[in-house]
């Protein structure tokens, strides 16, 4: 059952907007998400800085523990929830 899914690898797909991304909220146990090299990711993140991307994702999926191969820090989560 997909609702029990805790890891999702969606890199190199064609996720191009937040509406499509929002479907991940249907996975309440999701803890680890990989989204690099998607049009949505590429439109926000840069090679040097992905902090804006991370804040946008964590606002939508605050239960994540790992995003794009990097641990989610308490500071990042706090900043995302405040913004």
Protein backbone atom coordinates (compact mmCIF):
# COMPACT_ATOMS: atom_id res chain seq x y z
CA UNK A 1 0.00 0.00 0.00
CA UNK A 2 1.51 3.34 -1.03
CA UNK A 3 0.29 5.13 2.08
CA UNK A 4 2.94 3.17 4.00
CA UNK A 5 5.70 4.40 1.71
CA UNK A 6 8.49 6.15 3.61
CA UNK A 7 10.94 6.71 0.70
CA UNK A 8 10.18 8.22 -2.66
CA UNK A 9 12.67 8.55 -5.50
CA UNK A 10 11.26 10.96 -8.09
CA UNK A 11 14.49 12.35 -9.52
CA UNK A 12 14.79 12.74 -13.30
CA UNK A 13 11.01 12.75 -13.78
CA UNK A 14 8.85 15.47 -15.22
CA UNK A 15 7.44 16.96 -12.04
CA UNK A 16 6.94 20.51 -13.24
CA UNK A 17 4.55 22.22 -10.83
CA UNK A 18 3.55 22.36 -7.19
CA UNK A 19 0.10 20.92 -7.93
CA UNK A 20 1.69 17.66 -9.03
CA UNK A 21 4.15 17.81 -6.12
CA UNK A 22 1.28 18.25 -3.63
CA UNK A 23 0.15 14.69 -4.37
CA UNK A 24 3.02 13.53 -2.17
CA UNK A 25 0.97 14.68 0.83
CA UNK A 26 -1.04 11.49 0.26
CA UNK A 27 1.96 9.62 1.69
CA UNK A 28 1.69 10.35 5.44
CA UNK A 29 4.74 8.21 6.32
CA UNK A 30 7.06 9.82 3.77
CA UNK A 31 10.41 10.58 5.42
CA UNK A 32 12.94 10.50 2.56
CA UNK A 33 12.36 12.27 -0.76
CA UNK A 34 14.63 12.60 -3.77
CA UNK A 35 13.45 15.15 -6.37
CA UNK A 36 16.61 16.42 -8.09
CA UNK A 37 16.63 16.99 -11.86
CA UNK A 38 12.93 17.63 -12.20
CA UNK A 39 11.69 20.78 -13.96
CA UNK A 40 10.23 22.08 -10.69
CA UNK A 41 13.48 21.48 -8.81
CA UNK A 42 15.57 22.98 -11.61
CA UNK A 43 13.41 26.11 -11.74
CA UNK A 44 14.12 26.90 -8.06
CA UNK A 45 17.38 25.28 -6.97
CA UNK A 46 20.79 26.22 -8.27
CA UNK A 47 24.04 24.30 -8.22
CA UNK A 48 25.36 26.61 -5.52
CA UNK A 49 22.25 26.98 -3.37
CA UNK A 50 19.19 24.81 -2.90
CA UNK A 51 17.92 26.46 0.29
CA UNK A 52 14.88 28.09 -1.38
CA UNK A 53 13.89 24.71 -2.80
CA UNK A 54 14.31 23.03 0.57
CA UNK A 55 12.19 25.69 2.34
CA UNK A 56 9.39 25.32 -0.23
CA UNK A 57 9.40 21.54 0.11
CA UNK A 58 9.54 21.51 3.91
CA UNK A 59 6.58 23.91 4.12
CA UNK A 60 4.57 21.33 2.20
CA UNK A 61 6.06 18.16 3.70
CA UNK A 62 7.22 18.96 7.25
CA UNK A 63 7.54 15.29 8.21
CA UNK A 64 10.55 14.75 5.93
CA UNK A 65 13.78 13.69 7.61
CA UNK A 66 15.87 13.61 4.44
CA UNK A 67 15.53 15.64 1.24
CA UNK A 68 17.60 15.08 -1.88
CA UNK A 69 20.14 13.01 -0.02
CA UNK A 70 20.70 15.53 2.79
CA UNK A 71 19.34 15.31 6.32
CA UNK A 72 16.71 17.89 7.21
CA UNK A 73 17.94 19.97 10.14
CA UNK A 74 15.81 21.29 12.97
CA UNK A 75 16.82 24.83 11.95
CA UNK A 76 15.65 24.29 8.36
CA UNK A 77 12.33 22.91 9.51
CA UNK A 78 11.82 25.74 11.97
CA UNK A 79 12.65 28.32 9.29
CA UNK A 80 10.29 26.70 6.79
CA UNK A 81 7.43 26.64 9.27
CA UNK A 82 8.01 30.29 10.23
CA UNK A 83 8.09 31.51 6.62
